């Protein structure tokens, strides 16, 4: 049984993805987003996405399409999205902030927000420094492990 699964997995890795062209990859990703936004416009979609945020599916569905062999693991489209669309999306996200609403939360909430931000900015490098000193070099994972 294990041999059969291993052979099937090896064979799946050899086959090329269904969508190979860059424009096809971009079209597939945009189609996923269009379907998600279309579903969000319905009453059932609003109810569903109030429980599980739509952003989860914006990541999960393309990952699933890649796992199923419909989209390639690597494409120049991914680098283009990371270089151009992601920063633009972050700027639009920041512009959409409700600053008066945040100020209305009061000074305690703002102090907590800033303390949490400072904790991540300061604590992250400290944790890396401590764990680097504790763990042996052989325990390290390859540099691109986090990319999936």
N, C-alpha and C. Protein backbone atom coordinates (compact mmCIF):
# COMPACT_ATOMS: atom_id res chain seq x y z
N UNK A 1 0.83 -1.20 0.00
CA UNK A 1 0.00 0.00 0.00
C UNK A 1 0.87 1.26 0.00
N UNK A 2 1.89 1.27 0.88
CA UNK A 2 2.77 2.44 0.94
C UNK A 2 3.53 2.63 -0.36
N UNK A 3 3.95 1.52 -0.97
CA UNK A 3 4.66 1.62 -2.23
C UNK A 3 3.76 2.23 -3.30
N UNK A 4 2.52 1.82 -3.32
CA UNK A 4 1.58 2.35 -4.30
C UNK A 4 1.37 3.85 -4.10
N UNK A 5 1.24 4.29 -2.86
CA UNK A 5 1.09 5.72 -2.58
C UNK A 5 2.33 6.49 -2.97
N UNK A 6 3.50 5.93 -2.68
CA UNK A 6 4.74 6.60 -3.04
C UNK A 6 4.88 6.70 -4.55
N UNK A 7 4.51 5.64 -5.27
CA UNK A 7 4.57 5.68 -6.72
C UNK A 7 3.59 6.69 -7.29
N UNK A 8 2.40 6.74 -6.73
CA UNK A 8 1.39 7.70 -7.19
C UNK A 8 1.86 9.12 -6.95
N UNK A 9 2.48 9.36 -5.79
CA UNK A 9 2.99 10.70 -5.47
C UNK A 9 4.12 11.07 -6.42
N UNK A 10 5.03 10.13 -6.70
CA UNK A 10 6.13 10.41 -7.62
C UNK A 10 5.60 10.69 -9.02
N UNK A 11 4.59 9.93 -9.45
CA UNK A 11 4.01 10.14 -10.76
C UNK A 11 3.30 11.49 -10.84
N UNK A 12 2.64 11.89 -9.75
CA UNK A 12 1.94 13.18 -9.72
C UNK A 12 2.91 14.33 -9.84
N UNK A 13 4.12 14.17 -9.26
CA UNK A 13 5.11 15.24 -9.34
C UNK A 13 5.66 15.39 -10.75
N UNK A 14 5.68 14.30 -11.52
CA UNK A 14 6.24 14.34 -12.86
C UNK A 14 5.29 15.04 -13.82
N UNK A 15 4.00 14.89 -13.64
CA UNK A 15 3.04 15.48 -14.56
C UNK A 15 3.04 17.00 -14.43
N UNK A 16 2.89 17.64 -15.57
CA UNK A 16 2.87 19.10 -15.59
C UNK A 16 1.51 19.60 -15.14
N UNK A 17 1.46 20.81 -14.59
CA UNK A 17 0.17 21.36 -14.18
C UNK A 17 -0.74 21.60 -15.39
N UNK A 18 -2.02 21.62 -15.14
CA UNK A 18 -2.99 21.80 -16.21
C UNK A 18 -2.84 23.18 -16.87
N UNK A 19 -2.60 24.19 -16.06
CA UNK A 19 -2.45 25.56 -16.58
C UNK A 19 -0.97 25.92 -16.50
N UNK A 20 -0.35 26.15 -17.66
CA UNK A 20 1.08 26.45 -17.70
C UNK A 20 1.39 27.90 -18.05
N UNK A 21 0.57 28.52 -18.86
CA UNK A 21 0.89 29.87 -19.33
C UNK A 21 0.69 30.89 -18.22
N UNK A 22 1.48 31.94 -18.28
CA UNK A 22 1.40 32.98 -17.26
C UNK A 22 0.03 33.66 -17.25
N UNK A 23 -0.50 33.93 -18.43
CA UNK A 23 -1.81 34.58 -18.50
C UNK A 23 -2.89 33.64 -17.98
N UNK A 24 -2.72 32.35 -18.19
CA UNK A 24 -3.67 31.37 -17.67
C UNK A 24 -3.64 31.32 -16.15
N UNK A 25 -2.44 31.39 -15.58
CA UNK A 25 -2.31 31.40 -14.12
C UNK A 25 -2.98 32.64 -13.55
N UNK A 26 -2.70 33.80 -14.16
CA UNK A 26 -3.32 35.04 -13.70
C UNK A 26 -4.84 34.97 -13.84
N UNK A 27 -5.32 34.44 -14.95
CA UNK A 27 -6.77 34.32 -15.15
C UNK A 27 -7.39 33.40 -14.12
N UNK A 28 -6.72 32.30 -13.79
CA UNK A 28 -7.25 31.37 -12.80
C UNK A 28 -7.32 32.02 -11.42
N UNK A 29 -6.27 32.75 -11.05
CA UNK A 29 -6.26 33.43 -9.75
C UNK A 29 -7.34 34.50 -9.68
N UNK A 30 -7.50 35.26 -10.77
CA UNK A 30 -8.55 36.28 -10.80
C UNK A 30 -9.94 35.65 -10.78
N UNK A 31 -10.08 34.49 -11.42
CA UNK A 31 -11.38 33.80 -11.41
C UNK A 31 -11.73 33.33 -10.00
N UNK A 32 -10.73 32.85 -9.27
CA UNK A 32 -10.97 32.44 -7.87
C UNK A 32 -11.45 33.64 -7.06
N UNK A 33 -10.77 34.77 -7.22
CA UNK A 33 -11.17 35.98 -6.48
C UNK A 33 -12.56 36.44 -6.90
N UNK A 34 -12.85 36.39 -8.20
CA UNK A 34 -14.18 36.81 -8.68
C UNK A 34 -15.27 35.91 -8.10
N UNK A 35 -15.02 34.61 -8.05
CA UNK A 35 -16.01 33.70 -7.47
C UNK A 35 -16.21 33.98 -5.98
N UNK A 36 -15.11 34.25 -5.28
CA UNK A 36 -15.23 34.54 -3.85
C UNK A 36 -16.00 35.83 -3.60
N UNK A 37 -15.69 36.87 -4.37
CA UNK A 37 -16.41 38.14 -4.20
C UNK A 37 -17.87 38.00 -4.63
N UNK A 38 -18.12 37.21 -5.67
CA UNK A 38 -19.49 36.96 -6.08
C UNK A 38 -20.28 36.23 -5.01
N UNK A 39 -19.66 35.23 -4.40
CA UNK A 39 -20.33 34.50 -3.32
C UNK A 39 -20.53 35.40 -2.11
N UNK A 40 -19.58 36.30 -1.86
CA UNK A 40 -19.70 37.23 -0.74
C UNK A 40 -20.87 38.19 -0.92
N UNK A 41 -21.27 38.44 -2.16
CA UNK A 41 -22.38 39.36 -2.42
C UNK A 41 -23.74 38.73 -2.10
N UNK A 42 -23.79 37.41 -1.94
CA UNK A 42 -25.05 36.75 -1.61
C UNK A 42 -25.27 36.73 -0.10
N UNK A 43 -26.51 36.46 0.29
CA UNK A 43 -26.81 36.41 1.72
C UNK A 43 -26.09 35.24 2.39
N UNK A 44 -26.06 34.10 1.70
CA UNK A 44 -25.37 32.93 2.25
C UNK A 44 -23.87 33.21 2.38
N UNK A 45 -23.32 33.93 1.39
CA UNK A 45 -21.90 34.26 1.44
C UNK A 45 -21.57 35.19 2.59
N UNK A 46 -22.41 36.18 2.81
CA UNK A 46 -22.18 37.10 3.95
C UNK A 46 -22.20 36.34 5.27
N UNK A 47 -23.15 35.42 5.39
CA UNK A 47 -23.25 34.63 6.62
C UNK A 47 -22.02 33.73 6.78
N UNK A 48 -21.64 33.08 5.68
CA UNK A 48 -20.50 32.16 5.72
C UNK A 48 -19.20 32.91 6.04
N UNK A 49 -18.97 34.03 5.35
CA UNK A 49 -17.73 34.77 5.55
C UNK A 49 -17.72 35.57 6.85
N UNK A 50 -18.86 35.65 7.55
CA UNK A 50 -18.84 36.25 8.89
C UNK A 50 -18.25 35.26 9.89
N UNK A 51 -18.27 33.97 9.55
CA UNK A 51 -17.69 32.94 10.42
C UNK A 51 -16.23 32.70 10.06
N UNK A 52 -15.97 32.46 8.79
CA UNK A 52 -14.60 32.25 8.30
C UNK A 52 -14.29 33.39 7.33
N UNK A 53 -13.29 34.21 7.60
CA UNK A 53 -13.00 35.35 6.74
C UNK A 53 -12.66 34.93 5.30
N UNK A 54 -13.07 35.75 4.37
CA UNK A 54 -12.83 35.47 2.96
C UNK A 54 -11.34 35.39 2.65
N UNK A 55 -10.52 36.13 3.39
CA UNK A 55 -9.08 36.12 3.16
C UNK A 55 -8.50 34.72 3.30
N UNK A 56 -9.06 33.91 4.18
CA UNK A 56 -8.61 32.52 4.34
C UNK A 56 -8.76 31.78 3.01
N UNK A 57 -9.87 31.97 2.35
CA UNK A 57 -10.12 31.27 1.09
C UNK A 57 -9.33 31.88 -0.06
N UNK A 58 -8.98 33.17 0.04
CA UNK A 58 -8.13 33.78 -0.98
C UNK A 58 -6.75 33.12 -0.99
N UNK A 59 -6.31 32.61 0.13
CA UNK A 59 -5.05 31.86 0.20
C UNK A 59 -5.28 30.37 -0.02
N UNK A 60 -6.32 29.83 0.58
CA UNK A 60 -6.54 28.38 0.60
C UNK A 60 -6.88 27.82 -0.79
N UNK A 61 -7.75 28.47 -1.52
CA UNK A 61 -8.18 27.93 -2.81
C UNK A 61 -7.06 27.88 -3.85
N UNK A 62 -6.27 28.94 -4.05
CA UNK A 62 -5.14 28.80 -4.98
C UNK A 62 -4.12 27.75 -4.54
N UNK A 63 -3.91 27.64 -3.23
CA UNK A 63 -3.00 26.60 -2.73
C UNK A 63 -3.56 25.22 -3.06
N UNK A 64 -4.85 25.05 -2.90
CA UNK A 64 -5.49 23.77 -3.23
C UNK A 64 -5.39 23.48 -4.73
N UNK A 65 -5.57 24.50 -5.55
CA UNK A 65 -5.45 24.32 -7.00
C UNK A 65 -4.03 23.90 -7.38
N UNK A 66 -3.04 24.43 -6.68
CA UNK A 66 -1.65 24.03 -6.92
C UNK A 66 -1.42 22.60 -6.47
N UNK A 67 -1.95 22.24 -5.31
CA UNK A 67 -1.79 20.88 -4.80
C UNK A 67 -2.46 19.87 -5.72
N UNK A 68 -3.59 20.23 -6.30
CA UNK A 68 -4.30 19.33 -7.20
C UNK A 68 -3.67 19.26 -8.59
N UNK A 69 -2.68 20.10 -8.85
CA UNK A 69 -1.99 20.06 -10.13
C UNK A 69 -2.62 20.92 -11.20
N UNK A 70 -3.50 21.83 -10.82
CA UNK A 70 -4.11 22.72 -11.81
C UNK A 70 -3.24 23.93 -12.08
N UNK A 71 -2.56 24.43 -11.05
CA UNK A 71 -1.66 25.57 -11.18
C UNK A 71 -0.23 25.12 -10.90
N UNK A 72 0.76 25.80 -11.49
CA UNK A 72 2.16 25.41 -11.25
C UNK A 72 2.64 25.85 -9.87
N UNK A 73 3.68 25.16 -9.39
CA UNK A 73 4.29 25.54 -8.11
C UNK A 73 4.97 26.90 -8.21
N UNK A 74 5.58 27.18 -9.33
CA UNK A 74 6.27 28.45 -9.52
C UNK A 74 5.87 29.08 -10.84
N UNK A 75 5.75 30.38 -10.84
CA UNK A 75 5.38 31.11 -12.04
C UNK A 75 5.85 32.55 -11.89
N UNK A 76 6.26 33.19 -12.99
CA UNK A 76 6.61 34.61 -12.91
C UNK A 76 5.44 35.48 -12.44
N UNK A 77 4.23 35.00 -12.60
CA UNK A 77 3.05 35.74 -12.15
C UNK A 77 3.10 35.92 -10.64
N UNK A 78 3.56 34.89 -9.92
CA UNK A 78 3.62 34.97 -8.46
C UNK A 78 4.58 36.08 -8.03
N UNK A 79 5.73 36.18 -8.69
CA UNK A 79 6.70 37.24 -8.36
C UNK A 79 6.11 38.60 -8.69
N UNK A 80 5.39 38.70 -9.81
CA UNK A 80 4.77 39.97 -10.19
C UNK A 80 3.72 40.40 -9.17
N UNK A 81 2.93 39.44 -8.72
CA UNK A 81 1.91 39.74 -7.71
C UNK A 81 2.58 40.21 -6.43
N UNK A 82 3.65 39.51 -6.02
CA UNK A 82 4.35 39.87 -4.78
C UNK A 82 5.00 41.24 -4.89
N UNK A 83 5.54 41.56 -6.06
CA UNK A 83 6.26 42.82 -6.24
C UNK A 83 5.32 44.01 -6.40
N UNK A 84 4.23 43.84 -7.14
CA UNK A 84 3.39 44.99 -7.48
C UNK A 84 2.03 45.00 -6.78
N UNK A 85 1.31 43.90 -6.83
CA UNK A 85 -0.05 43.90 -6.29
C UNK A 85 -0.09 43.88 -4.77
N UNK A 86 0.79 43.12 -4.14
CA UNK A 86 0.76 43.05 -2.68
C UNK A 86 1.03 44.40 -2.03
N UNK A 87 2.08 45.15 -2.43
CA UNK A 87 2.27 46.48 -1.81
C UNK A 87 1.09 47.42 -2.08
N UNK A 88 0.54 47.38 -3.29
CA UNK A 88 -0.60 48.24 -3.59
C UNK A 88 -1.81 47.86 -2.74
N UNK A 89 -2.00 46.57 -2.53
CA UNK A 89 -3.11 46.11 -1.68
C UNK A 89 -2.93 46.57 -0.24
N UNK A 90 -1.70 46.52 0.25
CA UNK A 90 -1.44 46.96 1.62
C UNK A 90 -1.69 48.46 1.77
N UNK A 91 -1.31 49.23 0.76
CA UNK A 91 -1.58 50.68 0.81
C UNK A 91 -3.08 50.93 0.83
N UNK A 92 -3.82 50.23 -0.01
CA UNK A 92 -5.28 50.40 -0.03
C UNK A 92 -5.91 49.96 1.29
N UNK A 93 -5.37 48.91 1.89
CA UNK A 93 -5.87 48.44 3.18
C UNK A 93 -5.65 49.51 4.26
N UNK A 94 -4.49 50.13 4.24
CA UNK A 94 -4.19 51.17 5.23
C UNK A 94 -5.06 52.40 4.99
N UNK A 95 -5.28 52.75 3.72
CA UNK A 95 -6.12 53.90 3.42
C UNK A 95 -7.57 53.69 3.86
N UNK A 96 -7.99 52.44 3.93
CA UNK A 96 -9.37 52.14 4.32
C UNK A 96 -9.55 52.07 5.83
N UNK A 97 -8.49 52.30 6.60
CA UNK A 97 -8.61 52.25 8.06
C UNK A 97 -9.57 53.33 8.56
N UNK A 98 -10.32 52.99 9.56
CA UNK A 98 -11.24 53.93 10.20
C UNK A 98 -10.50 54.58 11.37
N UNK A 99 -9.67 55.59 11.06
CA UNK A 99 -8.87 56.23 12.10
C UNK A 99 -9.72 56.87 13.19
N UNK A 100 -10.82 57.57 12.86
CA UNK A 100 -11.65 58.10 13.94
C UNK A 100 -12.21 56.99 14.84
N UNK A 101 -12.54 55.85 14.24
CA UNK A 101 -13.03 54.72 15.04
C UNK A 101 -11.95 54.18 15.96
N UNK A 102 -10.72 54.14 15.48
CA UNK A 102 -9.60 53.67 16.31
C UNK A 102 -9.36 54.65 17.45
N UNK A 103 -9.43 55.95 17.15
CA UNK A 103 -9.23 56.96 18.20
C UNK A 103 -10.35 56.87 19.23
N UNK A 104 -11.59 56.58 18.78
CA UNK A 104 -12.71 56.45 19.71
C UNK A 104 -12.56 55.27 20.67
N UNK A 105 -11.73 54.30 20.31
CA UNK A 105 -11.51 53.17 21.21
C UNK A 105 -10.87 53.61 22.52
N UNK A 106 -10.18 54.73 22.46
CA UNK A 106 -9.60 55.27 23.69
C UNK A 106 -8.11 55.00 23.81
N UNK A 107 -7.50 55.69 24.77
CA UNK A 107 -6.05 55.59 24.91
C UNK A 107 -5.58 54.19 25.33
N UNK A 108 -6.38 53.49 26.13
CA UNK A 108 -5.95 52.15 26.56
C UNK A 108 -5.82 51.21 25.36
N UNK A 109 -6.79 51.26 24.47
CA UNK A 109 -6.75 50.38 23.29
C UNK A 109 -5.59 50.75 22.38
N UNK A 110 -5.34 52.04 22.22
CA UNK A 110 -4.23 52.47 21.36
C UNK A 110 -2.89 52.07 21.97
N UNK A 111 -2.76 52.21 23.29
CA UNK A 111 -1.53 51.78 23.97
C UNK A 111 -1.35 50.28 23.82
N UNK A 112 -2.43 49.51 23.94
CA UNK A 112 -2.33 48.06 23.76
C UNK A 112 -1.91 47.71 22.33
N UNK A 113 -2.45 48.41 21.35
CA UNK A 113 -2.09 48.19 19.96
C UNK A 113 -0.61 48.46 19.73
N UNK A 114 -0.14 49.59 20.24
CA UNK A 114 1.28 49.95 20.08
C UNK A 114 2.18 49.00 20.85
N UNK A 115 1.75 48.57 22.04
CA UNK A 115 2.55 47.62 22.83
C UNK A 115 2.65 46.28 22.11
N UNK A 116 1.56 45.82 21.52
CA UNK A 116 1.60 44.58 20.75
C UNK A 116 2.52 44.67 19.55
N UNK A 117 2.46 45.80 18.86
CA UNK A 117 3.34 46.01 17.71
C UNK A 117 4.80 46.03 18.15
N UNK A 118 5.09 46.76 19.22
CA UNK A 118 6.46 46.81 19.73
C UNK A 118 6.92 45.44 20.21
N UNK A 119 6.02 44.67 20.80
CA UNK A 119 6.38 43.33 21.26
C UNK A 119 6.80 42.43 20.12
N UNK A 120 6.10 42.52 19.00
CA UNK A 120 6.46 41.71 17.84
C UNK A 120 7.77 42.19 17.23
N UNK A 121 7.92 43.51 17.09
CA UNK A 121 9.13 44.06 16.48
C UNK A 121 10.36 43.77 17.31
N UNK A 122 10.25 43.89 18.63
CA UNK A 122 11.40 43.66 19.51
C UNK A 122 11.54 42.18 19.87
N UNK A 123 10.42 41.52 20.14
CA UNK A 123 10.47 40.13 20.60
C UNK A 123 10.87 39.13 19.54
N UNK A 124 10.52 39.39 18.29
CA UNK A 124 10.88 38.46 17.21
C UNK A 124 12.38 38.25 17.08
N UNK A 125 13.15 39.32 16.92
CA UNK A 125 14.60 39.14 16.83
C UNK A 125 15.22 38.56 18.10
N UNK A 126 14.67 38.92 19.26
CA UNK A 126 15.20 38.36 20.51
C UNK A 126 14.95 36.85 20.55
N UNK A 127 13.76 36.42 20.17
CA UNK A 127 13.45 34.98 20.14
C UNK A 127 14.35 34.24 19.16
N UNK A 128 14.59 34.84 18.00
CA UNK A 128 15.50 34.21 17.03
C UNK A 128 16.91 34.10 17.59
N UNK A 129 17.38 35.14 18.26
CA UNK A 129 18.73 35.13 18.84
C UNK A 129 18.84 34.05 19.91
N UNK A 130 17.85 33.96 20.79
CA UNK A 130 17.88 32.96 21.87
C UNK A 130 17.82 31.54 21.30
N UNK A 131 16.90 31.30 20.38
CA UNK A 131 16.75 29.95 19.82
C UNK A 131 17.96 29.56 18.98
N UNK A 132 18.58 30.52 18.33
CA UNK A 132 19.79 30.25 17.55
C UNK A 132 20.92 29.80 18.47
N UNK A 133 20.97 30.36 19.67
CA UNK A 133 22.01 29.98 20.63
C UNK A 133 21.71 28.62 21.26
N UNK A 134 20.42 28.28 21.42
CA UNK A 134 20.04 27.03 22.09
C UNK A 134 20.11 25.83 21.15
N UNK A 135 19.52 25.97 19.96
CA UNK A 135 19.41 24.84 19.04
C UNK A 135 20.72 24.62 18.29
N UNK A 136 21.06 23.36 18.06
CA UNK A 136 22.26 23.09 17.26
C UNK A 136 22.02 23.42 15.80
N UNK A 137 23.09 23.56 15.06
CA UNK A 137 23.01 23.89 13.64
C UNK A 137 22.26 22.80 12.86
N UNK A 138 22.35 21.55 13.32
CA UNK A 138 21.70 20.44 12.61
C UNK A 138 20.17 20.48 12.75
N UNK A 139 19.65 21.24 13.71
CA UNK A 139 18.20 21.33 13.90
C UNK A 139 17.56 22.33 12.95
N UNK A 140 18.38 23.10 12.24
CA UNK A 140 17.85 24.13 11.36
C UNK A 140 17.19 23.51 10.14
N UNK A 141 16.13 24.14 9.68
CA UNK A 141 15.44 23.72 8.47
C UNK A 141 16.00 24.51 7.29
N UNK A 142 15.81 24.02 6.08
CA UNK A 142 16.26 24.79 4.92
C UNK A 142 15.63 26.18 4.89
N UNK A 143 16.31 27.11 4.26
CA UNK A 143 15.88 28.51 4.27
C UNK A 143 14.51 28.72 3.63
N UNK A 144 14.16 27.92 2.64
CA UNK A 144 12.88 28.14 1.96
C UNK A 144 11.75 27.26 2.49
N UNK A 145 11.91 26.71 3.68
CA UNK A 145 10.88 25.84 4.27
C UNK A 145 9.57 26.58 4.49
N UNK A 146 9.64 27.81 4.91
CA UNK A 146 8.43 28.58 5.22
C UNK A 146 7.59 28.86 3.97
N UNK A 147 8.17 28.73 2.79
CA UNK A 147 7.44 29.06 1.57
C UNK A 147 6.45 27.98 1.16
N UNK A 148 6.58 26.80 1.71
CA UNK A 148 5.62 25.73 1.39
C UNK A 148 5.99 24.95 0.17
